[in-house]
Amino acid sequence: MTKWRVYNVHPKGLTHKENFKGDLIEIRAGAYVLMDYDDAVQFKSQYFPIFMDAQDQQDVKSYKCLKLEADDKEIEAEPIKLMYVCHFDGKTFETKEMLEAYVNTEHADKMHRDPEIEEELKKKKGK
């Protein structure tokens, strides 16, 4: 999963400190922390109290100036290898054809086939 950088871009260079999910997150100005995308968005949009100064303006200390960027280092995921599993005994196969051949030879007595449904499926397949 891709990590995201949460930058503190405070115009006055102040450190941002905030509790998030029970942990104190502290980001110096110009620095960043790595988070999963969902956590980064929740952290950025989480309520942060504002304080007013004597002129009834928002105090610079209460600015929440965060910026999200995707991390440059992408973690390459391993390619997904499909495996076909026999539901009768749990044996695995690399292809669907191998699985069907195994089931037809080893577990044919356990399979139920309805001739009416088979004919209907052939008709639908033909269209």
N, C-alpha and C. Protein backbone atom coordinates (compact mmCIF):
# COMPACT_ATOMS: atom_id res chain seq x y z
N MET A 1 0.84 -1.17 0.00
CA MET A 1 0.00 0.00 0.00
C MET A 1 0.89 1.24 0.00
N THR A 2 0.51 2.23 -0.75
CA THR A 2 1.30 3.44 -0.86
C THR A 2 1.16 4.28 0.40
N LYS A 3 2.28 4.77 0.87
CA LYS A 3 2.29 5.67 2.01
C LYS A 3 2.19 7.11 1.49
N TRP A 4 1.70 7.99 2.34
CA TRP A 4 1.56 9.40 2.00
C TRP A 4 2.33 10.24 3.00
N ARG A 5 2.90 11.32 2.51
CA ARG A 5 3.62 12.25 3.36
C ARG A 5 2.68 13.36 3.80
N VAL A 6 2.66 13.62 5.09
CA VAL A 6 1.86 14.71 5.64
C VAL A 6 2.85 15.80 6.05
N TYR A 7 2.92 16.85 5.23
CA TYR A 7 3.85 17.95 5.46
C TYR A 7 3.23 19.02 6.33
N ASN A 8 4.05 19.65 7.17
CA ASN A 8 3.65 20.83 7.92
C ASN A 8 4.20 22.03 7.16
N VAL A 9 3.32 22.82 6.57
CA VAL A 9 3.73 24.00 5.79
C VAL A 9 3.29 25.28 6.49
N HIS A 10 3.53 25.35 7.77
CA HIS A 10 3.11 26.51 8.56
C HIS A 10 3.87 27.75 8.08
N PRO A 11 3.16 28.86 7.81
CA PRO A 11 3.82 30.06 7.28
C PRO A 11 4.81 30.71 8.25
N LYS A 12 4.62 30.51 9.54
CA LYS A 12 5.51 31.11 10.54
C LYS A 12 6.56 30.11 11.06
N GLY A 13 6.57 28.89 10.51
CA GLY A 13 7.57 27.91 10.90
C GLY A 13 7.34 27.26 12.25
N LEU A 14 6.10 27.18 12.68
CA LEU A 14 5.79 26.57 13.98
C LEU A 14 5.57 25.07 13.85
N THR A 15 5.87 24.34 14.89
CA THR A 15 5.67 22.90 14.94
C THR A 15 4.20 22.59 15.19
N HIS A 16 3.68 21.59 14.48
CA HIS A 16 2.29 21.18 14.65
C HIS A 16 2.25 19.96 15.56
N LYS A 17 1.48 20.06 16.66
CA LYS A 17 1.31 18.96 17.60
C LYS A 17 -0.17 18.67 17.73
N GLU A 18 -0.52 17.39 17.60
CA GLU A 18 -1.93 17.03 17.66
C GLU A 18 -2.06 15.56 18.06
N ASN A 19 -3.08 15.26 18.87
CA ASN A 19 -3.37 13.87 19.22
C ASN A 19 -4.18 13.24 18.09
N PHE A 20 -3.77 12.04 17.69
CA PHE A 20 -4.46 11.33 16.62
C PHE A 20 -4.48 9.85 16.96
N LYS A 21 -5.67 9.31 17.16
CA LYS A 21 -5.87 7.90 17.49
C LYS A 21 -5.04 7.48 18.70
N GLY A 22 -5.00 8.33 19.70
CA GLY A 22 -4.32 8.01 20.94
C GLY A 22 -2.83 8.29 20.96
N ASP A 23 -2.27 8.77 19.85
CA ASP A 23 -0.84 9.08 19.79
C ASP A 23 -0.65 10.57 19.55
N LEU A 24 0.42 11.12 20.11
CA LEU A 24 0.75 12.52 19.86
C LEU A 24 1.60 12.59 18.60
N ILE A 25 1.08 13.24 17.57
CA ILE A 25 1.79 13.43 16.31
C ILE A 25 2.41 14.82 16.36
N GLU A 26 3.72 14.88 16.14
CA GLU A 26 4.44 16.15 16.16
C GLU A 26 5.21 16.28 14.84
N ILE A 27 4.91 17.36 14.10
CA ILE A 27 5.55 17.59 12.81
C ILE A 27 6.20 18.97 12.83
N ARG A 28 7.51 19.00 12.70
CA ARG A 28 8.21 20.29 12.64
C ARG A 28 7.88 20.97 11.31
N ALA A 29 8.04 22.27 11.24
CA ALA A 29 7.76 23.02 10.01
C ALA A 29 8.71 22.55 8.91
N GLY A 30 8.16 22.26 7.75
CA GLY A 30 8.95 21.79 6.63
C GLY A 30 9.21 20.29 6.65
N ALA A 31 8.88 19.62 7.74
CA ALA A 31 9.09 18.18 7.86
C ALA A 31 7.78 17.45 7.54
N TYR A 32 7.86 16.13 7.54
CA TYR A 32 6.66 15.34 7.26
C TYR A 32 6.69 14.05 8.06
N VAL A 33 5.54 13.40 8.14
CA VAL A 33 5.41 12.06 8.69
C VAL A 33 4.74 11.19 7.63
N LEU A 34 5.06 9.90 7.63
CA LEU A 34 4.45 8.97 6.68
C LEU A 34 3.22 8.31 7.31
N MET A 35 2.15 8.25 6.53
CA MET A 35 0.91 7.60 6.99
C MET A 35 0.25 6.91 5.81
N ASP A 36 -0.63 5.97 6.12
CA ASP A 36 -1.49 5.41 5.08
C ASP A 36 -2.42 6.51 4.60
N TYR A 37 -2.95 6.37 3.39
CA TYR A 37 -3.77 7.43 2.81
C TYR A 37 -4.98 7.75 3.68
N ASP A 38 -5.69 6.71 4.14
CA ASP A 38 -6.88 6.95 4.95
C ASP A 38 -6.54 7.69 6.24
N ASP A 39 -5.46 7.27 6.90
CA ASP A 39 -5.06 7.95 8.14
C ASP A 39 -4.63 9.39 7.86
N ALA A 40 -3.93 9.61 6.76
CA ALA A 40 -3.48 10.97 6.42
C ALA A 40 -4.66 11.91 6.20
N VAL A 41 -5.67 11.43 5.49
CA VAL A 41 -6.84 12.26 5.23
C VAL A 41 -7.61 12.53 6.52
N GLN A 42 -7.74 11.51 7.36
CA GLN A 42 -8.43 11.69 8.64
C GLN A 42 -7.65 12.66 9.54
N PHE A 43 -6.32 12.54 9.54
CA PHE A 43 -5.50 13.42 10.36
C PHE A 43 -5.62 14.87 9.89
N LYS A 44 -5.58 15.07 8.57
CA LYS A 44 -5.68 16.43 8.03
C LYS A 44 -7.04 17.05 8.32
N SER A 45 -8.09 16.25 8.25
CA SER A 45 -9.44 16.81 8.40
C SER A 45 -9.95 16.75 9.83
N GLN A 46 -9.18 16.21 10.74
CA GLN A 46 -9.59 16.14 12.14
C GLN A 46 -9.71 17.54 12.73
N TYR A 47 -10.69 17.72 13.60
CA TYR A 47 -10.91 19.02 14.24
C TYR A 47 -9.67 19.44 15.04
N PHE A 48 -9.28 20.68 14.86
CA PHE A 48 -8.16 21.25 15.61
C PHE A 48 -8.65 22.60 16.14
N PRO A 49 -8.63 22.82 17.45
CA PRO A 49 -9.22 24.05 18.00
C PRO A 49 -8.46 25.30 17.56
N ILE A 50 -9.22 26.36 17.36
CA ILE A 50 -8.59 27.64 17.02
C ILE A 50 -8.63 28.54 18.25
N PHE A 51 -7.64 29.39 18.32
CA PHE A 51 -7.54 30.36 19.42
C PHE A 51 -7.58 31.75 18.83
N MET A 52 -8.18 32.66 19.56
CA MET A 52 -8.29 34.05 19.11
C MET A 52 -7.31 34.92 19.89
N ASP A 53 -6.78 35.94 19.23
CA ASP A 53 -5.89 36.87 19.93
C ASP A 53 -6.69 38.07 20.43
N ALA A 54 -6.03 39.07 20.91
CA ALA A 54 -6.70 40.24 21.51
C ALA A 54 -7.52 41.03 20.49
N GLN A 55 -7.14 40.98 19.22
CA GLN A 55 -7.88 41.70 18.18
C GLN A 55 -9.01 40.85 17.59
N ASP A 56 -9.34 39.75 18.25
CA ASP A 56 -10.39 38.84 17.82
C ASP A 56 -10.09 38.23 16.44
N GLN A 57 -8.82 37.98 16.18
CA GLN A 57 -8.36 37.30 14.97
C GLN A 57 -7.82 35.93 15.37
N GLN A 58 -7.81 34.99 14.45
CA GLN A 58 -7.27 33.68 14.77
C GLN A 58 -5.78 33.80 15.05
N ASP A 59 -5.37 33.21 16.16
CA ASP A 59 -3.96 33.23 16.55
C ASP A 59 -3.16 32.37 15.58
N VAL A 60 -1.97 32.85 15.23
CA VAL A 60 -1.10 32.15 14.28
C VAL A 60 -0.72 30.76 14.80
N LYS A 61 -0.66 30.59 16.11
CA LYS A 61 -0.29 29.31 16.70
C LYS A 61 -1.33 28.22 16.43
N SER A 62 -2.56 28.61 16.13
CA SER A 62 -3.61 27.62 15.93
C SER A 62 -3.86 27.33 14.45
N TYR A 63 -3.00 27.80 13.55
CA TYR A 63 -3.15 27.46 12.13
C TYR A 63 -2.82 25.98 11.95
N LYS A 64 -3.63 25.31 11.17
CA LYS A 64 -3.35 23.92 10.82
C LYS A 64 -3.05 23.90 9.33
N CYS A 65 -1.78 23.90 9.00
CA CYS A 65 -1.34 24.01 7.61
C CYS A 65 -0.66 22.70 7.21
N LEU A 66 -1.44 21.76 6.72
CA LEU A 66 -0.92 20.46 6.34
C LEU A 66 -1.13 20.23 4.86
N LYS A 67 -0.18 19.52 4.26
CA LYS A 67 -0.26 19.21 2.83
C LYS A 67 0.04 17.72 2.66
N LEU A 68 -0.74 17.04 1.81
CA LEU A 68 -0.54 15.62 1.56
C LEU A 68 0.12 15.42 0.20
N GLU A 69 1.11 14.51 0.17
CA GLU A 69 1.76 14.12 -1.08
C GLU A 69 2.03 12.63 -1.03
N ALA A 70 1.92 11.99 -2.17
CA ALA A 70 2.24 10.57 -2.24
C ALA A 70 3.75 10.40 -2.06
N ASP A 71 4.14 9.34 -1.38
CA ASP A 71 5.55 9.07 -1.16
C ASP A 71 6.17 8.62 -2.47
N ASP A 72 7.39 9.08 -2.75
CA ASP A 72 8.07 8.76 -4.00
C ASP A 72 8.37 7.28 -4.13
N LYS A 73 8.71 6.67 -3.04
CA LYS A 73 9.09 5.26 -3.06
C LYS A 73 7.83 4.41 -3.08
N GLU A 74 7.52 3.86 -4.23
CA GLU A 74 6.37 2.97 -4.35
C GLU A 74 6.81 1.58 -3.90
N ILE A 75 6.01 0.96 -3.09
CA ILE A 75 6.28 -0.40 -2.67
C ILE A 75 5.67 -1.31 -3.73
N GLU A 76 6.54 -2.05 -4.40
CA GLU A 76 6.04 -2.92 -5.47
C GLU A 76 5.41 -4.15 -4.86
N ALA A 77 4.19 -4.37 -5.24
CA ALA A 77 3.47 -5.54 -4.74
C ALA A 77 3.88 -6.76 -5.55
N GLU A 78 3.90 -7.88 -4.90
CA GLU A 78 4.21 -9.12 -5.60
C GLU A 78 3.05 -9.46 -6.52
N PRO A 79 3.36 -9.98 -7.71
CA PRO A 79 2.27 -10.34 -8.61
C PRO A 79 1.40 -11.43 -8.00
N ILE A 80 0.12 -11.31 -8.25
CA ILE A 80 -0.83 -12.27 -7.69
C ILE A 80 -0.78 -13.55 -8.51
N LYS A 81 -0.58 -14.64 -7.83
CA LYS A 81 -0.54 -15.93 -8.50
C LYS A 81 -1.85 -16.64 -8.21
N LEU A 82 -2.60 -16.93 -9.27
CA LEU A 82 -3.88 -17.60 -9.10
C LEU A 82 -3.65 -19.07 -8.77
N MET A 83 -4.41 -19.54 -7.82
CA MET A 83 -4.35 -20.95 -7.46
C MET A 83 -5.78 -21.47 -7.42
N TYR A 84 -5.96 -22.64 -7.97
CA TYR A 84 -7.28 -23.26 -7.99
C TYR A 84 -7.28 -24.36 -6.94
N VAL A 85 -8.28 -24.34 -6.04
CA VAL A 85 -8.33 -25.25 -4.91
C VAL A 85 -9.52 -26.20 -5.06
N CYS A 86 -9.26 -27.47 -4.85
CA CYS A 86 -10.31 -28.47 -4.86
C CYS A 86 -11.08 -28.37 -3.54
N HIS A 87 -12.37 -28.20 -3.61
CA HIS A 87 -13.16 -28.03 -2.40
C HIS A 87 -13.41 -29.34 -1.66
N PHE A 88 -13.13 -30.43 -2.31
CA PHE A 88 -13.32 -31.71 -1.65
C PHE A 88 -12.18 -32.04 -0.70
N ASP A 89 -10.93 -31.80 -1.14
CA ASP A 89 -9.79 -32.19 -0.30
C ASP A 89 -8.74 -31.10 -0.10
N GLY A 90 -8.92 -29.92 -0.71
CA GLY A 90 -8.01 -28.79 -0.49
C GLY A 90 -6.75 -28.82 -1.32
N LYS A 91 -6.63 -29.73 -2.24
CA LYS A 91 -5.44 -29.80 -3.10
C LYS A 91 -5.46 -28.61 -4.07
N THR A 92 -4.27 -28.02 -4.33
CA THR A 92 -4.20 -26.82 -5.17
C THR A 92 -3.64 -27.16 -6.55
N PHE A 93 -4.08 -26.37 -7.55
CA PHE A 93 -3.66 -26.55 -8.93
C PHE A 93 -3.36 -25.19 -9.55
N GLU A 94 -2.52 -25.19 -10.58
CA GLU A 94 -2.13 -23.95 -11.23
C GLU A 94 -3.12 -23.49 -12.29
N THR A 95 -3.84 -24.43 -12.91
CA THR A 95 -4.80 -24.05 -13.95
C THR A 95 -6.17 -24.64 -13.64
N LYS A 96 -7.17 -24.04 -14.25
CA LYS A 96 -8.54 -24.49 -14.06
C LYS A 96 -8.74 -25.87 -14.70
N GLU A 97 -8.08 -26.09 -15.83
CA GLU A 97 -8.21 -27.37 -16.52
C GLU A 97 -7.66 -28.51 -15.67
N MET A 98 -6.53 -28.28 -15.01
CA MET A 98 -5.96 -29.31 -14.14
C MET A 98 -6.91 -29.64 -12.99
N LEU A 99 -7.53 -28.60 -12.42
CA LEU A 99 -8.48 -28.82 -11.33
C LEU A 99 -9.68 -29.61 -11.81
N GLU A 100 -10.25 -29.23 -12.97
CA GLU A 100 -11.42 -29.94 -13.49
C GLU A 100 -11.10 -31.39 -13.80
N ALA A 101 -9.93 -31.66 -14.36
CA ALA A 101 -9.54 -33.03 -14.66
C ALA A 101 -9.40 -33.84 -13.38
N TYR A 102 -8.82 -33.24 -12.36
CA TYR A 102 -8.65 -33.93 -11.07
C TYR A 102 -10.01 -34.24 -10.44
N VAL A 103 -10.89 -33.24 -10.42
CA VAL A 103 -12.22 -33.44 -9.81
C VAL A 103 -13.00 -34.49 -10.57
N ASN A 104 -12.93 -34.47 -11.90
CA ASN A 104 -13.68 -35.44 -12.70
C ASN A 104 -13.15 -36.86 -12.51
N THR A 105 -11.88 -37.04 -12.23
CA THR A 105 -11.35 -38.39 -12.04
C THR A 105 -11.46 -38.86 -10.59
N GLU A 106 -11.15 -37.99 -9.64
CA GLU A 106 -11.08 -38.40 -8.24
C GLU A 106 -12.40 -38.27 -7.48
N HIS A 107 -13.23 -37.31 -7.85
CA HIS A 107 -14.43 -37.02 -7.08
C HIS A 107 -15.69 -37.00 -7.94
N ALA A 108 -15.68 -37.77 -9.02
CA ALA A 108 -16.82 -37.78 -9.93
C ALA A 108 -18.09 -38.32 -9.25
N ASP A 109 -17.92 -39.25 -8.30
CA ASP A 109 -19.07 -39.83 -7.62
C ASP A 109 -19.77 -38.84 -6.69
N LYS A 110 -19.09 -37.79 -6.30
CA LYS A 110 -19.66 -36.80 -5.37
C LYS A 110 -20.36 -35.64 -6.08
N MET A 111 -20.22 -35.61 -7.39
CA MET A 111 -20.80 -34.48 -8.14
C MET A 111 -22.20 -34.83 -8.61
N HIS A 112 -23.09 -33.85 -8.57
CA HIS A 112 -24.47 -34.03 -9.00
C HIS A 112 -24.70 -33.22 -10.27
N ARG A 113 -25.22 -33.90 -11.29
CA ARG A 113 -25.51 -33.22 -12.55
C ARG A 113 -26.98 -33.39 -12.86
N ASP A 114 -27.63 -32.28 -13.20
CA ASP A 114 -29.03 -32.29 -13.56
C ASP A 114 -29.11 -32.14 -15.08
N PRO A 115 -29.61 -33.14 -15.80
CA PRO A 115 -29.63 -33.08 -17.27
C PRO A 115 -30.46 -31.92 -17.81
N GLU A 116 -31.55 -31.56 -17.15
CA GLU A 116 -32.38 -30.45 -17.62
C GLU A 116 -31.62 -29.13 -17.55
N ILE A 117 -30.91 -28.93 -16.46
CA ILE A 117 -30.14 -27.69 -16.30
C ILE A 117 -28.99 -27.66 -17.30
N GLU A 118 -28.35 -28.81 -17.54
CA GLU A 118 -27.26 -28.88 -18.51
C GLU A 118 -27.75 -28.48 -19.91
N GLU A 119 -28.92 -28.97 -20.32
CA GLU A 119 -29.48 -28.62 -21.62
C GLU A 119 -29.79 -27.13 -21.71
N GLU A 120 -30.36 -26.59 -20.64
CA GLU A 120 -30.70 -25.17 -20.62
C GLU A 120 -29.44 -24.31 -20.72
N LEU A 121 -28.38 -24.71 -20.04
CA LEU A 121 -27.12 -23.98 -20.12
C LEU A 121 -26.52 -24.01 -21.51
N LYS A 122 -26.63 -25.17 -22.18
CA LYS A 122 -26.12 -25.30 -23.56
C LYS A 122 -26.90 -24.39 -24.50
N LYS A 123 -28.23 -24.29 -24.30
CA LYS A 123 -29.05 -23.39 -25.13
C LYS A 123 -28.64 -21.94 -24.94
N LYS A 124 -28.44 -21.54 -23.68
CA LYS A 124 -28.05 -20.16 -23.39
C LYS A 124 -26.65 -19.85 -23.92
N LYS A 125 -25.76 -20.83 -23.85
CA LYS A 125 -24.40 -20.66 -24.33
C LYS A 125 -24.38 -20.49 -25.84
N GLY A 126 -25.29 -21.19 -26.54
CA GLY A 126 -25.39 -21.12 -28.00
C GLY A 126 -25.84 -19.76 -28.50
N LYS A 127 -26.62 -19.04 -27.70
CA LYS A 127 -27.10 -17.73 -28.11
C LYS A 127 -25.99 -16.77 -27.93
